[in-house]
Amino acid sequence: MRLFWERGYEGSSFDDLTAAMGINASSFRNTFKSKEALYREATDAYVAMAGEWFARKLREGEDVRTAFAHLFEEAAAQYTRDDLPSGCMISLAGAHAPESLAPLKDMMAAHRASAERAMAERLKQGQKDGQIPPDANIHALAAFFNALFRGMAVQARDGATRSRLAEIANVAMQAFPAASAKRVAAGAKSKRRKHRG
């Protein structure tokens, strides 16, 4: 996973992979069948790891704006960890893949779309709770935040520090649509009634 994350699919040679895992060519073929199959397993491992903190931050707190602020903060921390390659394994993977690798390109695009859908669902819930104006374009907002996450990952790969990414996150949150205090209070009251019921 680390090798693919650091070098990409095409940048990770067969010899690199067998050396990283400490196995010979025969063991590789018997265990993983192909480089593509191994890449899919490595991607699944990354998605499980990154998906855990991503989903957890989206669920935190009742206020959607706070949840997204924490999500950006966590992304800044995760993308600049000292013990892992910088950035995100999913963000640009497969974007320039040749036609022969179209299935892998489609897989990575699907992972990126899945993250955007998760953000859209959290935004919809916030809108339902009165924390986002009813006329806000939720899908455009989710696409905007998804693009920012991908951009932050590229910045991290280019050497941006955690504090630099945090600055970007702070600017991003300025674009978050604000709901009126009256609407937020009404949404909270409705939620309390629902929990009591």
N, C-alpha and C. Protein backbone atom coordinates (compact mmCIF):
# COMPACT_ATOMS: atom_id res chain seq x y z
N MET A 1 0.83 -1.19 0.00
CA MET A 1 0.00 0.00 0.00
C MET A 1 0.87 1.26 0.00
N ARG A 2 1.89 1.27 0.87
CA ARG A 2 2.77 2.44 0.95
C ARG A 2 3.50 2.68 -0.37
N LEU A 3 3.93 1.60 -0.99
CA LEU A 3 4.68 1.74 -2.25
C LEU A 3 3.78 2.30 -3.34
N PHE A 4 2.59 1.75 -3.49
CA PHE A 4 1.65 2.26 -4.49
C PHE A 4 1.27 3.70 -4.17
N TRP A 5 1.09 4.00 -2.90
CA TRP A 5 0.72 5.34 -2.45
C TRP A 5 1.82 6.33 -2.82
N GLU A 6 3.05 5.94 -2.59
CA GLU A 6 4.18 6.83 -2.84
C GLU A 6 4.48 6.98 -4.32
N ARG A 7 4.41 5.87 -5.08
CA ARG A 7 4.88 5.90 -6.47
C ARG A 7 3.77 5.76 -7.51
N GLY A 8 2.57 5.40 -7.09
CA GLY A 8 1.50 5.17 -8.04
C GLY A 8 1.57 3.77 -8.64
N TYR A 9 0.57 3.42 -9.41
CA TYR A 9 0.51 2.08 -9.99
C TYR A 9 1.64 1.84 -10.98
N GLU A 10 1.76 2.73 -11.95
CA GLU A 10 2.77 2.54 -13.00
C GLU A 10 4.19 2.77 -12.49
N GLY A 11 4.33 3.57 -11.43
CA GLY A 11 5.65 3.84 -10.89
C GLY A 11 6.18 2.75 -9.98
N SER A 12 5.34 1.77 -9.66
CA SER A 12 5.74 0.65 -8.80
C SER A 12 5.99 -0.57 -9.66
N SER A 13 7.24 -0.91 -9.86
CA SER A 13 7.57 -2.04 -10.72
C SER A 13 7.34 -3.36 -10.00
N PHE A 14 7.30 -4.42 -10.77
CA PHE A 14 7.15 -5.76 -10.21
C PHE A 14 8.27 -6.06 -9.24
N ASP A 15 9.50 -5.71 -9.62
CA ASP A 15 10.65 -5.93 -8.74
C ASP A 15 10.54 -5.12 -7.46
N ASP A 16 10.05 -3.88 -7.58
CA ASP A 16 9.86 -3.03 -6.39
C ASP A 16 8.89 -3.69 -5.41
N LEU A 17 7.82 -4.22 -5.95
CA LEU A 17 6.77 -4.81 -5.13
C LEU A 17 7.25 -6.08 -4.42
N THR A 18 7.92 -6.96 -5.15
CA THR A 18 8.40 -8.19 -4.52
C THR A 18 9.47 -7.88 -3.46
N ALA A 19 10.30 -6.86 -3.74
CA ALA A 19 11.33 -6.48 -2.76
C ALA A 19 10.68 -5.90 -1.51
N ALA A 20 9.68 -5.07 -1.69
CA ALA A 20 9.01 -4.44 -0.54
C ALA A 20 8.33 -5.47 0.35
N MET A 21 7.81 -6.54 -0.27
CA MET A 21 7.10 -7.57 0.50
C MET A 21 8.01 -8.71 0.93
N GLY A 22 9.25 -8.72 0.41
CA GLY A 22 10.19 -9.77 0.79
C GLY A 22 9.80 -11.14 0.27
N ILE A 23 9.24 -11.19 -0.94
CA ILE A 23 8.84 -12.47 -1.53
C ILE A 23 9.42 -12.58 -2.93
N ASN A 24 9.42 -13.81 -3.48
CA ASN A 24 9.92 -13.99 -4.84
C ASN A 24 8.76 -13.93 -5.85
N ALA A 25 9.11 -13.96 -7.13
CA ALA A 25 8.11 -13.81 -8.19
C ALA A 25 7.05 -14.91 -8.13
N SER A 26 7.47 -16.12 -7.84
CA SER A 26 6.53 -17.25 -7.78
C SER A 26 5.51 -17.06 -6.66
N SER A 27 5.99 -16.64 -5.49
CA SER A 27 5.09 -16.40 -4.36
C SER A 27 4.11 -15.27 -4.67
N PHE A 28 4.62 -14.25 -5.37
CA PHE A 28 3.76 -13.13 -5.74
C PHE A 28 2.60 -13.61 -6.61
N ARG A 29 2.91 -14.37 -7.64
CA ARG A 29 1.88 -14.84 -8.57
C ARG A 29 0.90 -15.80 -7.88
N ASN A 30 1.42 -16.65 -7.02
CA ASN A 30 0.55 -17.60 -6.31
C ASN A 30 -0.38 -16.90 -5.33
N THR A 31 0.10 -15.81 -4.73
CA THR A 31 -0.68 -15.12 -3.71
C THR A 31 -1.61 -14.07 -4.29
N PHE A 32 -1.10 -13.24 -5.20
CA PHE A 32 -1.87 -12.10 -5.68
C PHE A 32 -2.33 -12.22 -7.14
N LYS A 33 -1.79 -13.18 -7.87
CA LYS A 33 -2.16 -13.43 -9.27
C LYS A 33 -1.62 -12.37 -10.23
N SER A 34 -1.81 -11.09 -9.89
CA SER A 34 -1.36 -10.03 -10.79
C SER A 34 -1.10 -8.75 -10.02
N LYS A 35 -0.38 -7.85 -10.67
CA LYS A 35 -0.11 -6.54 -10.08
C LYS A 35 -1.42 -5.77 -9.88
N GLU A 36 -2.32 -5.89 -10.83
CA GLU A 36 -3.61 -5.19 -10.73
C GLU A 36 -4.41 -5.69 -9.53
N ALA A 37 -4.41 -7.00 -9.32
CA ALA A 37 -5.14 -7.56 -8.18
C ALA A 37 -4.54 -7.07 -6.87
N LEU A 38 -3.21 -6.98 -6.81
CA LEU A 38 -2.54 -6.48 -5.62
C LEU A 38 -2.89 -5.01 -5.39
N TYR A 39 -2.94 -4.25 -6.47
CA TYR A 39 -3.27 -2.83 -6.35
C TYR A 39 -4.67 -2.64 -5.79
N ARG A 40 -5.59 -3.49 -6.23
CA ARG A 40 -6.95 -3.40 -5.71
C ARG A 40 -6.98 -3.70 -4.21
N GLU A 41 -6.21 -4.69 -3.79
CA GLU A 41 -6.14 -5.01 -2.35
C GLU A 41 -5.51 -3.87 -1.57
N ALA A 42 -4.46 -3.29 -2.12
CA ALA A 42 -3.79 -2.18 -1.45
C ALA A 42 -4.71 -0.97 -1.34
N THR A 43 -5.48 -0.74 -2.40
CA THR A 43 -6.43 0.37 -2.39
C THR A 43 -7.51 0.13 -1.35
N ASP A 44 -8.00 -1.10 -1.26
CA ASP A 44 -9.02 -1.43 -0.25
C ASP A 44 -8.47 -1.18 1.16
N ALA A 45 -7.20 -1.52 1.36
CA ALA A 45 -6.58 -1.31 2.68
C ALA A 45 -6.50 0.18 2.99
N TYR A 46 -6.16 0.98 1.98
CA TYR A 46 -6.07 2.42 2.20
C TYR A 46 -7.45 3.00 2.49
N VAL A 47 -8.44 2.60 1.71
CA VAL A 47 -9.80 3.12 1.90
C VAL A 47 -10.33 2.78 3.28
N ALA A 48 -10.03 1.58 3.76
CA ALA A 48 -10.46 1.18 5.10
C ALA A 48 -9.80 2.06 6.16
N MET A 49 -8.52 2.35 5.98
CA MET A 49 -7.79 3.17 6.94
C MET A 49 -8.26 4.63 6.90
N ALA A 50 -8.26 5.22 5.73
CA ALA A 50 -8.65 6.63 5.61
C ALA A 50 -10.15 6.81 5.82
N GLY A 51 -10.93 5.83 5.38
CA GLY A 51 -12.38 5.94 5.52
C GLY A 51 -12.82 5.98 6.97
N GLU A 52 -12.02 5.37 7.86
CA GLU A 52 -12.39 5.35 9.28
C GLU A 52 -12.40 6.76 9.85
N TRP A 53 -11.31 7.51 9.64
CA TRP A 53 -11.29 8.88 10.21
C TRP A 53 -12.21 9.82 9.45
N PHE A 54 -12.35 9.60 8.16
CA PHE A 54 -13.23 10.44 7.35
C PHE A 54 -14.68 10.32 7.83
N ALA A 55 -15.16 9.09 7.97
CA ALA A 55 -16.54 8.87 8.41
C ALA A 55 -16.75 9.33 9.84
N ARG A 56 -15.75 9.09 10.69
CA ARG A 56 -15.87 9.48 12.10
C ARG A 56 -16.01 10.99 12.24
N LYS A 57 -15.22 11.74 11.51
CA LYS A 57 -15.28 13.20 11.59
C LYS A 57 -16.60 13.74 11.03
N LEU A 58 -17.12 13.10 10.00
CA LEU A 58 -18.41 13.53 9.44
C LEU A 58 -19.55 13.32 10.44
N ARG A 59 -19.42 12.29 11.28
CA ARG A 59 -20.48 11.99 12.25
C ARG A 59 -20.39 12.83 13.51
N GLU A 60 -19.23 13.41 13.79
CA GLU A 60 -19.02 14.08 15.06
C GLU A 60 -19.91 15.31 15.23
N GLY A 61 -20.57 15.41 16.37
CA GLY A 61 -21.34 16.60 16.71
C GLY A 61 -22.63 16.71 15.95
N GLU A 62 -23.50 17.55 16.43
CA GLU A 62 -24.79 17.77 15.77
C GLU A 62 -24.71 18.86 14.72
N ASP A 63 -23.74 19.74 14.83
CA ASP A 63 -23.64 20.86 13.91
C ASP A 63 -22.80 20.50 12.70
N VAL A 64 -23.37 20.62 11.51
CA VAL A 64 -22.69 20.19 10.30
C VAL A 64 -21.46 21.04 10.00
N ARG A 65 -21.52 22.31 10.31
CA ARG A 65 -20.37 23.17 10.05
C ARG A 65 -19.18 22.75 10.90
N THR A 66 -19.44 22.45 12.16
CA THR A 66 -18.37 21.99 13.05
C THR A 66 -17.79 20.66 12.56
N ALA A 67 -18.66 19.77 12.10
CA ALA A 67 -18.21 18.48 11.59
C ALA A 67 -17.26 18.67 10.41
N PHE A 68 -17.59 19.57 9.50
CA PHE A 68 -16.73 19.80 8.34
C PHE A 68 -15.44 20.50 8.73
N ALA A 69 -15.50 21.40 9.71
CA ALA A 69 -14.28 22.05 10.19
C ALA A 69 -13.33 21.02 10.77
N HIS A 70 -13.86 20.09 11.55
CA HIS A 70 -13.03 19.03 12.13
C HIS A 70 -12.51 18.08 11.05
N LEU A 71 -13.33 17.86 10.01
CA LEU A 71 -12.92 17.00 8.91
C LEU A 71 -11.72 17.60 8.18
N PHE A 72 -11.76 18.90 7.92
CA PHE A 72 -10.64 19.56 7.27
C PHE A 72 -9.40 19.54 8.16
N GLU A 73 -9.58 19.77 9.44
CA GLU A 73 -8.45 19.75 10.38
C GLU A 73 -7.79 18.38 10.38
N GLU A 74 -8.62 17.34 10.39
CA GLU A 74 -8.08 15.97 10.40
C GLU A 74 -7.36 15.66 9.09
N ALA A 75 -7.92 16.14 7.98
CA ALA A 75 -7.27 15.91 6.69
C ALA A 75 -5.89 16.56 6.67
N ALA A 76 -5.78 17.78 7.20
CA ALA A 76 -4.49 18.46 7.26
C ALA A 76 -3.48 17.64 8.06
N ALA A 77 -3.95 17.02 9.14
CA ALA A 77 -3.07 16.20 9.98
C ALA A 77 -2.70 14.89 9.28
N GLN A 78 -3.69 14.22 8.69
CA GLN A 78 -3.45 12.93 8.05
C GLN A 78 -2.58 13.05 6.81
N TYR A 79 -2.77 14.11 6.05
CA TYR A 79 -2.02 14.27 4.80
C TYR A 79 -0.55 14.61 5.03
N THR A 80 -0.20 14.98 6.25
CA THR A 80 1.19 15.38 6.53
C THR A 80 1.82 14.53 7.63
N ARG A 81 1.33 13.33 7.84
CA ARG A 81 1.90 12.45 8.86
C ARG A 81 3.33 12.07 8.50
N ASP A 82 4.16 11.96 9.52
CA ASP A 82 5.56 11.60 9.31
C ASP A 82 5.75 10.11 9.02
N ASP A 83 4.79 9.30 9.47
CA ASP A 83 4.95 7.85 9.35
C ASP A 83 4.29 7.26 8.11
N LEU A 84 3.71 8.11 7.26
CA LEU A 84 3.06 7.63 6.05
C LEU A 84 3.43 8.54 4.88
N PRO A 85 3.27 8.07 3.64
CA PRO A 85 3.50 8.97 2.50
C PRO A 85 2.57 10.17 2.59
N SER A 86 3.00 11.30 2.08
CA SER A 86 2.18 12.51 2.17
C SER A 86 1.00 12.45 1.21
N GLY A 87 0.00 13.28 1.50
CA GLY A 87 -1.16 13.36 0.62
C GLY A 87 -2.14 12.22 0.80
N CYS A 88 -2.78 11.87 -0.30
CA CYS A 88 -3.86 10.86 -0.29
C CYS A 88 -3.65 9.91 -1.45
N MET A 89 -3.74 8.63 -1.19
CA MET A 89 -3.52 7.62 -2.23
C MET A 89 -4.59 7.69 -3.32
N ILE A 90 -5.77 8.19 -3.00
CA ILE A 90 -6.90 8.17 -3.92
C ILE A 90 -6.99 9.42 -4.79
N SER A 91 -6.53 10.54 -4.29
CA SER A 91 -6.85 11.84 -4.89
C SER A 91 -6.59 11.96 -6.39
N LEU A 92 -5.42 11.60 -6.85
CA LEU A 92 -5.13 11.74 -8.28
C LEU A 92 -4.78 10.41 -8.94
N ALA A 93 -4.88 9.33 -8.21
CA ALA A 93 -4.51 8.02 -8.74
C ALA A 93 -5.34 7.66 -9.97
N GLY A 94 -4.67 7.24 -11.02
CA GLY A 94 -5.36 6.79 -12.23
C GLY A 94 -5.84 7.89 -13.13
N ALA A 95 -5.61 9.14 -12.77
CA ALA A 95 -6.16 10.25 -13.56
C ALA A 95 -5.59 10.27 -14.98
N HIS A 96 -4.35 9.81 -15.14
CA HIS A 96 -3.72 9.82 -16.47
C HIS A 96 -3.39 8.41 -16.94
N ALA A 97 -4.16 7.44 -16.48
CA ALA A 97 -3.89 6.05 -16.83
C ALA A 97 -4.22 5.79 -18.31
N PRO A 98 -3.43 4.93 -18.95
CA PRO A 98 -3.73 4.57 -20.35
C PRO A 98 -4.99 3.74 -20.44
N GLU A 99 -5.50 3.57 -21.64
CA GLU A 99 -6.75 2.84 -21.84
C GLU A 99 -6.70 1.42 -21.28
N SER A 100 -5.51 0.82 -21.31
CA SER A 100 -5.37 -0.54 -20.79
C SER A 100 -5.64 -0.64 -19.30
N LEU A 101 -5.55 0.49 -18.61
CA LEU A 101 -5.79 0.52 -17.16
C LEU A 101 -7.12 1.19 -16.83
N ALA A 102 -8.03 1.23 -17.77
CA ALA A 102 -9.32 1.88 -17.56
C ALA A 102 -10.08 1.34 -16.35
N PRO A 103 -10.06 0.02 -16.08
CA PRO A 103 -10.76 -0.47 -14.89
C PRO A 103 -10.22 0.12 -13.59
N LEU A 104 -8.90 0.29 -13.50
CA LEU A 104 -8.31 0.88 -12.30
C LEU A 104 -8.65 2.37 -12.22
N LYS A 105 -8.62 3.04 -13.35
CA LYS A 105 -8.99 4.46 -13.40
C LYS A 105 -10.42 4.64 -12.91
N ASP A 106 -11.32 3.78 -13.38
CA ASP A 106 -12.72 3.86 -12.98
C ASP A 106 -12.89 3.57 -11.49
N MET A 107 -12.10 2.62 -10.97
CA MET A 107 -12.17 2.29 -9.55
C MET A 107 -11.79 3.48 -8.69
N MET A 108 -10.71 4.16 -9.05
CA MET A 108 -10.27 5.31 -8.26
C MET A 108 -11.25 6.46 -8.36
N ALA A 109 -11.82 6.66 -9.54
CA ALA A 109 -12.84 7.71 -9.70
C ALA A 109 -14.05 7.40 -8.84
N ALA A 110 -14.40 6.11 -8.74
CA ALA A 110 -15.54 5.70 -7.91
C ALA A 110 -15.28 5.97 -6.44
N HIS A 111 -14.05 5.76 -6.00
CA HIS A 111 -13.70 6.05 -4.60
C HIS A 111 -13.84 7.55 -4.32
N ARG A 112 -13.39 8.37 -5.26
CA ARG A 112 -13.49 9.81 -5.08
C ARG A 112 -14.96 10.25 -5.05
N ALA A 113 -15.77 9.64 -5.91
CA ALA A 113 -17.19 9.96 -5.95
C ALA A 113 -17.89 9.52 -4.67
N SER A 114 -17.44 8.40 -4.09
CA SER A 114 -18.04 7.91 -2.86
C SER A 114 -17.83 8.89 -1.72
N ALA A 115 -16.64 9.47 -1.64
CA ALA A 115 -16.36 10.47 -0.60
C ALA A 115 -17.25 11.69 -0.78
N GLU A 116 -17.44 12.09 -2.02
CA GLU A 116 -18.30 13.25 -2.29
C GLU A 116 -19.75 12.96 -1.90
N ARG A 117 -20.22 11.75 -2.17
CA ARG A 117 -21.59 11.38 -1.79
C ARG A 117 -21.76 11.41 -0.27
N ALA A 118 -20.74 10.94 0.45
CA ALA A 118 -20.81 10.94 1.91
C ALA A 118 -20.91 12.37 2.44
N MET A 119 -20.15 13.27 1.85
CA MET A 119 -20.23 14.67 2.26
C MET A 119 -21.59 15.27 1.93
N ALA A 120 -22.11 14.92 0.76
CA ALA A 120 -23.43 15.43 0.37
C ALA A 120 -24.51 14.96 1.35
N GLU A 121 -24.43 13.70 1.78
CA GLU A 121 -25.42 13.17 2.73
C GLU A 121 -25.35 13.92 4.06
N ARG A 122 -24.13 14.21 4.52
CA ARG A 122 -23.99 14.95 5.78
C ARG A 122 -24.51 16.37 5.63
N LEU A 123 -24.27 16.99 4.49
CA LEU A 123 -24.77 18.33 4.23
C LEU A 123 -26.30 18.35 4.16
N LYS A 124 -26.86 17.32 3.54
CA LYS A 124 -28.33 17.21 3.47
C LYS A 124 -28.93 17.12 4.86
N GLN A 125 -28.27 16.34 5.73
CA GLN A 125 -28.77 16.21 7.10
C GLN A 125 -28.70 17.56 7.81
N GLY A 126 -27.60 18.28 7.58
CA GLY A 126 -27.47 19.60 8.17
C GLY A 126 -28.54 20.56 7.66
N GLN A 127 -28.86 20.44 6.40
CA GLN A 127 -29.92 21.27 5.82
C GLN A 127 -31.28 20.92 6.42
N LYS A 128 -31.51 19.63 6.58
CA LYS A 128 -32.75 19.16 7.19
C LYS A 128 -32.88 19.65 8.63
N ASP A 129 -31.76 19.74 9.33
CA ASP A 129 -31.76 20.19 10.72
C ASP A 129 -31.76 21.71 10.85
N GLY A 130 -31.84 22.42 9.71
CA GLY A 130 -31.89 23.86 9.75
C GLY A 130 -30.55 24.53 9.91
N GLN A 131 -29.46 23.79 9.71
CA GLN A 131 -28.11 24.34 9.90
C GLN A 131 -27.52 24.90 8.60
N ILE A 132 -28.20 24.64 7.49
CA ILE A 132 -27.80 25.14 6.18
C ILE A 132 -29.05 25.71 5.52
N PRO A 133 -28.97 26.86 4.86
CA PRO A 133 -30.16 27.44 4.22
C PRO A 133 -30.84 26.45 3.27
N PRO A 134 -32.15 26.46 3.22
CA PRO A 134 -32.88 25.51 2.38
C PRO A 134 -32.61 25.66 0.89
N ASP A 135 -32.14 26.84 0.47
CA ASP A 135 -31.88 27.06 -0.96
C ASP A 135 -30.42 26.78 -1.34
N ALA A 136 -29.61 26.29 -0.38
CA ALA A 136 -28.21 25.98 -0.69
C ALA A 136 -28.12 24.80 -1.64
N ASN A 137 -27.21 24.88 -2.59
CA ASN A 137 -27.00 23.79 -3.56
C ASN A 137 -26.08 22.76 -2.92
N ILE A 138 -26.69 21.74 -2.33
CA ILE A 138 -25.92 20.75 -1.57
C ILE A 138 -24.92 19.99 -2.44
N HIS A 139 -25.33 19.61 -3.63
CA HIS A 139 -24.44 18.81 -4.48
C HIS A 139 -23.24 19.63 -4.96
N ALA A 140 -23.47 20.90 -5.28
CA ALA A 140 -22.36 21.77 -5.68
C ALA A 140 -21.43 22.01 -4.49
N LEU A 141 -22.00 22.14 -3.31
CA LEU A 141 -21.20 22.36 -2.11
C LEU A 141 -20.34 21.13 -1.81
N ALA A 142 -20.92 19.95 -1.94
CA ALA A 142 -20.16 18.72 -1.71
C ALA A 142 -19.03 18.58 -2.74
N ALA A 143 -19.32 18.93 -3.99
CA ALA A 143 -18.29 18.85 -5.04
C ALA A 143 -17.17 19.85 -4.75
N PHE A 144 -17.54 21.03 -4.25
CA PHE A 144 -16.55 22.06 -3.90
C PHE A 144 -15.63 21.57 -2.80
N PHE A 145 -16.21 21.02 -1.74
CA PHE A 145 -15.39 20.54 -0.63
C PHE A 145 -14.55 19.34 -1.06
N ASN A 146 -15.09 18.48 -1.90
CA ASN A 146 -14.33 17.34 -2.39
C ASN A 146 -13.12 17.81 -3.19
N ALA A 147 -13.33 18.84 -4.02
CA ALA A 147 -12.22 19.39 -4.80
C ALA A 147 -11.16 19.98 -3.88
N LEU A 148 -11.58 20.61 -2.80
CA LEU A 148 -10.63 21.18 -1.85
C LEU A 148 -9.81 20.09 -1.16
N PHE A 149 -10.48 19.00 -0.78
CA PHE A 149 -9.75 17.88 -0.16
C PHE A 149 -8.70 17.34 -1.11
N ARG A 150 -9.07 17.18 -2.38
CA ARG A 150 -8.12 16.66 -3.37
C ARG A 150 -6.97 17.64 -3.55
N GLY A 151 -7.29 18.93 -3.59
CA GLY A 151 -6.24 19.93 -3.73
C GLY A 151 -5.30 19.97 -2.54
N MET A 152 -5.85 19.80 -1.34
CA MET A 152 -5.01 19.76 -0.15
C MET A 152 -4.05 18.58 -0.21
N ALA A 153 -4.51 17.46 -0.74
CA ALA A 153 -3.66 16.27 -0.86
C ALA A 153 -2.49 16.54 -1.81
N VAL A 154 -2.78 17.23 -2.91
CA VAL A 154 -1.72 17.57 -3.86
C VAL A 154 -0.73 18.54 -3.22
N GLN A 155 -1.25 19.52 -2.49
CA GLN A 155 -0.38 20.47 -1.79
C GLN A 155 0.55 19.73 -0.82
N ALA A 156 -0.02 18.77 -0.10
CA ALA A 156 0.79 17.99 0.85
C ALA A 156 1.89 17.23 0.13
N ARG A 157 1.55 16.64 -1.01
CA ARG A 157 2.55 15.89 -1.78
C ARG A 157 3.65 16.82 -2.29
N ASP A 158 3.29 18.08 -2.51
CA ASP A 158 4.28 19.05 -2.97
C ASP A 158 5.09 19.66 -1.82
N GLY A 159 4.79 19.21 -0.59
CA GLY A 159 5.59 19.66 0.54
C GLY A 159 4.92 20.62 1.50
N ALA A 160 3.63 20.91 1.29
CA ALA A 160 2.93 21.82 2.20
C ALA A 160 2.89 21.24 3.61
N THR A 161 3.04 22.09 4.61
CA THR A 161 3.02 21.66 6.00
C THR A 161 1.59 21.55 6.51
N ARG A 162 1.45 20.96 7.68
CA ARG A 162 0.14 20.85 8.30
C ARG A 162 -0.47 22.23 8.54
N SER A 163 0.33 23.17 8.99
CA SER A 163 -0.19 24.52 9.27
C SER A 163 -0.64 25.19 7.98
N ARG A 164 0.07 24.93 6.88
CA ARG A 164 -0.33 25.51 5.60
C ARG A 164 -1.68 24.93 5.16
N LEU A 165 -1.85 23.64 5.31
CA LEU A 165 -3.12 23.01 4.95
C LEU A 165 -4.24 23.51 5.86
N ALA A 166 -3.92 23.76 7.12
CA ALA A 166 -4.92 24.28 8.05
C ALA A 166 -5.38 25.67 7.61
N GLU A 167 -4.47 26.47 7.08
CA GLU A 167 -4.84 27.78 6.57
C GLU A 167 -5.81 27.66 5.39
N ILE A 168 -5.53 26.70 4.52
CA ILE A 168 -6.42 26.45 3.38
C ILE A 168 -7.80 26.03 3.88
N ALA A 169 -7.80 25.16 4.90
CA ALA A 169 -9.06 24.69 5.48
C ALA A 169 -9.86 25.84 6.07
N ASN A 170 -9.18 26.76 6.72
CA ASN A 170 -9.87 27.91 7.32
C ASN A 170 -10.53 28.77 6.25
N VAL A 171 -9.85 28.97 5.14
CA VAL A 171 -10.43 29.73 4.04
C VAL A 171 -11.64 28.98 3.46
N ALA A 172 -11.50 27.67 3.34
CA ALA A 172 -12.60 26.86 2.81
C ALA A 172 -13.86 27.00 3.65
N MET A 173 -13.69 27.04 4.97
CA MET A 173 -14.84 27.13 5.85
C MET A 173 -15.56 28.47 5.75
N GLN A 174 -14.89 29.48 5.23
CA GLN A 174 -15.53 30.78 5.02
C GLN A 174 -16.60 30.69 3.93
N ALA A 175 -16.50 29.66 3.10
CA ALA A 175 -17.50 29.47 2.04
C ALA A 175 -18.69 28.66 2.52
N PHE A 176 -18.64 28.20 3.76
CA PHE A 176 -19.74 27.38 4.28
C PHE A 176 -20.98 28.26 4.49
N PRO A 177 -22.11 27.89 3.92
CA PRO A 177 -23.31 28.72 4.04
C PRO A 177 -23.83 28.75 5.47
N ALA A 178 -24.15 29.93 5.95
CA ALA A 178 -24.63 30.09 7.33
C ALA A 178 -26.15 30.13 7.35
N ALA A 179 -26.72 29.40 8.30
CA ALA A 179 -28.17 29.44 8.51
C ALA A 179 -28.47 30.46 9.59
N SER A 180 -29.68 30.99 9.57
CA SER A 180 -30.06 31.95 10.60
C SER A 180 -30.16 31.25 11.95
N ALA A 181 -29.93 32.00 13.02
CA ALA A 181 -30.01 31.43 14.37
C ALA A 181 -31.40 30.87 14.63
N LYS A 182 -32.42 31.53 14.09
CA LYS A 182 -33.79 31.08 14.29
C LYS A 182 -34.01 29.71 13.65
N ARG A 183 -33.47 29.52 12.46
CA ARG A 183 -33.64 28.26 11.76
C ARG A 183 -32.88 27.14 12.47
N VAL A 184 -31.68 27.44 12.95
CA VAL A 184 -30.89 26.45 13.68
C VAL A 184 -31.60 26.03 14.95
N ALA A 185 -32.15 26.98 15.69
CA ALA A 185 -32.87 26.67 16.93
C ALA A 185 -34.08 25.81 16.66
N ALA A 186 -34.80 26.10 15.58
CA ALA A 186 -35.97 25.30 15.22
C ALA A 186 -35.58 23.88 14.86
N GLY A 187 -34.46 23.74 14.15
CA GLY A 187 -33.99 22.41 13.79
C GLY A 187 -33.57 21.61 15.00
N ALA A 188 -32.90 22.25 15.94
CA ALA A 188 -32.47 21.57 17.17
C ALA A 188 -33.68 21.14 17.99
N LYS A 189 -34.70 22.01 18.06
CA LYS A 189 -35.90 21.69 18.82
C LYS A 189 -36.62 20.49 18.21
N SER A 190 -36.70 20.45 16.88
CA SER A 190 -37.33 19.34 16.19
C SER A 190 -36.57 18.04 16.42
N LYS A 191 -35.26 18.13 16.46
CA LYS A 191 -34.43 16.95 16.68
C LYS A 191 -34.63 16.39 18.09
N ARG A 192 -34.74 17.30 19.07
CA ARG A 192 -34.97 16.86 20.46
C ARG A 192 -36.31 16.17 20.59
N ARG A 193 -37.32 16.69 19.91
CA ARG A 193 -38.65 16.04 19.96
C ARG A 193 -38.58 14.64 19.35
N LYS A 194 -37.84 14.52 18.28
CA LYS A 194 -37.70 13.23 17.59
C LYS A 194 -37.03 12.21 18.50
N HIS A 195 -35.96 12.65 19.23
CA HIS A 195 -35.25 11.75 20.13
C HIS A 195 -36.16 11.32 21.28
N ARG A 196 -36.98 12.25 21.78
CA ARG A 196 -37.87 11.91 22.89
C ARG A 196 -38.95 10.94 22.45
N GLY A 197 -39.36 11.08 21.18
CA GLY A 197 -40.43 10.22 20.66
C GLY A 197 -39.91 8.84 20.42
